[in-house]
């Protein structure tokens, strides 16, 4: 459970191991991505660029912030989000780009 004694111990140990001031465990990836978007200030009226080829939790996290997911095309060779198409999707309302590394391969982050 998340209210047990081991969670704070693990968070403290993990933060020390990676040299961070803190660590917050979440019960799932959706909550982790939602928390990250919230901490970035993503909210109503904001747009977050995402890949259409992703797990639904990616979109759920954006919508939990009351933001709008904007789909960039996927590269037909890698199935990853296409960096060239991202450029065409950026607007004054774009607050974040959320690439997801699909099928065990990294998205092109350059």
Protein backbone atom coordinates (compact mmCIF):
# COMPACT_ATOMS: atom_id res chain seq x y z
CA UNK A 1 0.00 0.00 0.00
CA UNK A 2 1.04 3.59 -0.44
CA UNK A 3 0.57 4.46 3.20
CA UNK A 4 2.99 1.87 4.54
CA UNK A 5 6.36 2.41 6.15
CA UNK A 6 8.41 1.17 3.20
CA UNK A 7 7.37 3.83 0.66
CA UNK A 8 9.05 6.78 2.45
CA UNK A 9 12.13 4.62 3.08
CA UNK A 10 12.36 3.67 -0.58
CA UNK A 11 11.79 7.25 -1.78
CA UNK A 12 14.58 8.50 0.48
CA UNK A 13 16.97 5.70 -0.54
CA UNK A 14 16.24 6.14 -4.26
CA UNK A 15 16.70 9.91 -4.07
CA UNK A 16 20.07 9.40 -2.35
CA UNK A 17 21.12 6.80 -4.94
CA UNK A 18 20.42 9.09 -7.90
CA UNK A 19 21.63 12.25 -6.18
CA UNK A 20 18.25 13.94 -6.05
CA UNK A 21 16.71 16.11 -3.34
CA UNK A 22 13.62 13.95 -3.37
CA UNK A 23 11.61 11.18 -4.97
CA UNK A 24 7.87 10.61 -5.23
CA UNK A 25 6.51 7.17 -5.99
CA UNK A 26 3.31 6.84 -7.97
CA UNK A 27 1.06 3.80 -8.37
CA UNK A 28 1.26 3.87 -12.18
CA UNK A 29 2.76 5.60 -15.19
CA UNK A 30 -0.41 7.59 -15.85
CA UNK A 31 -0.10 9.28 -12.47
CA UNK A 32 3.61 9.90 -13.00
CA UNK A 33 3.05 11.58 -16.38
CA UNK A 34 0.07 13.53 -15.03
CA UNK A 35 2.17 14.76 -12.11
CA UNK A 36 4.99 15.80 -14.44
CA UNK A 37 2.59 17.75 -16.67
CA UNK A 38 0.99 19.42 -13.63
CA UNK A 39 4.42 20.41 -12.30
CA UNK A 40 5.19 21.94 -15.70
CA UNK A 41 2.06 24.04 -15.37
CA UNK A 42 0.07 22.34 -18.14
CA UNK A 43 -3.60 23.20 -17.79
CA UNK A 44 -6.80 24.27 -19.52
CA UNK A 45 -6.22 25.87 -22.92
CA UNK A 46 -2.76 24.33 -23.27
CA UNK A 47 -1.78 21.90 -26.01
CA UNK A 48 0.50 18.89 -25.60
CA UNK A 49 1.94 17.29 -28.72
CA UNK A 50 1.73 13.48 -28.62
CA UNK A 51 2.01 10.51 -30.93
CA UNK A 52 -1.19 8.79 -32.06
CA UNK A 53 0.64 5.45 -31.71
CA UNK A 54 0.84 5.24 -27.94
CA UNK A 55 -0.74 3.72 -24.88
CA UNK A 56 -3.98 5.44 -23.85
CA UNK A 57 -2.41 6.58 -20.57
CA UNK A 58 -0.42 9.18 -22.53
CA UNK A 59 -3.63 10.85 -23.65
CA UNK A 60 -5.30 10.30 -20.26
CA UNK A 61 -2.51 12.19 -18.48
CA UNK A 62 -2.91 15.16 -20.84
CA UNK A 63 -6.67 15.20 -20.44
CA UNK A 64 -6.42 14.95 -16.64
CA UNK A 65 -4.78 18.40 -16.90
CA UNK A 66 -7.74 19.60 -18.99
CA UNK A 67 -5.28 20.20 -21.81
CA UNK A 68 -5.70 19.27 -25.48
CA UNK A 69 -3.66 16.43 -26.97
CA UNK A 70 -2.39 17.38 -30.44
CA UNK A 71 -1.36 14.42 -32.57
CA UNK A 72 1.85 14.54 -34.59
CA UNK A 73 2.31 11.86 -37.22
CA UNK A 74 4.26 8.69 -36.57
CA UNK A 75 7.30 7.81 -38.63
CA UNK A 76 6.27 4.87 -40.85
CA UNK A 77 9.65 3.16 -40.42
CA UNK A 78 10.02 3.42 -36.64
CA UNK A 79 6.43 3.96 -35.43
CA UNK A 80 7.85 6.73 -33.21
CA UNK A 81 6.61 10.32 -33.21
CA UNK A 82 7.94 12.11 -36.31
CA UNK A 83 10.15 15.06 -35.26
CA UNK A 84 9.61 16.78 -38.61
CA UNK A 85 5.85 16.76 -38.09
CA UNK A 86 6.17 18.09 -34.55
CA UNK A 87 7.49 21.39 -35.93
CA UNK A 88 4.24 21.87 -37.90
CA UNK A 89 2.08 21.24 -34.83
CA UNK A 90 3.64 23.82 -32.50
CA UNK A 91 1.39 26.80 -31.78
CA UNK A 92 1.42 29.58 -29.18
CA UNK A 93 -0.70 27.22 -27.03
CA UNK A 94 1.85 24.38 -27.09
CA UNK A 95 3.03 23.77 -23.55
CA UNK A 96 4.77 20.39 -23.93
CA UNK A 97 5.86 17.68 -26.33
CA UNK A 98 5.34 14.20 -24.93
CA UNK A 99 7.23 11.56 -26.93
CA UNK A 100 6.68 7.94 -25.95
CA UNK A 101 9.30 5.33 -26.69
CA UNK A 102 7.30 2.60 -28.44
CA UNK A 103 8.08 -1.10 -28.92
CA UNK A 104 11.32 -0.94 -26.95
CA UNK A 105 12.90 1.59 -29.31
CA UNK A 106 13.73 5.18 -28.38
CA UNK A 107 11.98 8.08 -30.07
CA UNK A 108 14.24 10.48 -31.96
CA UNK A 109 14.89 13.22 -29.42
CA UNK A 110 17.12 15.41 -31.62
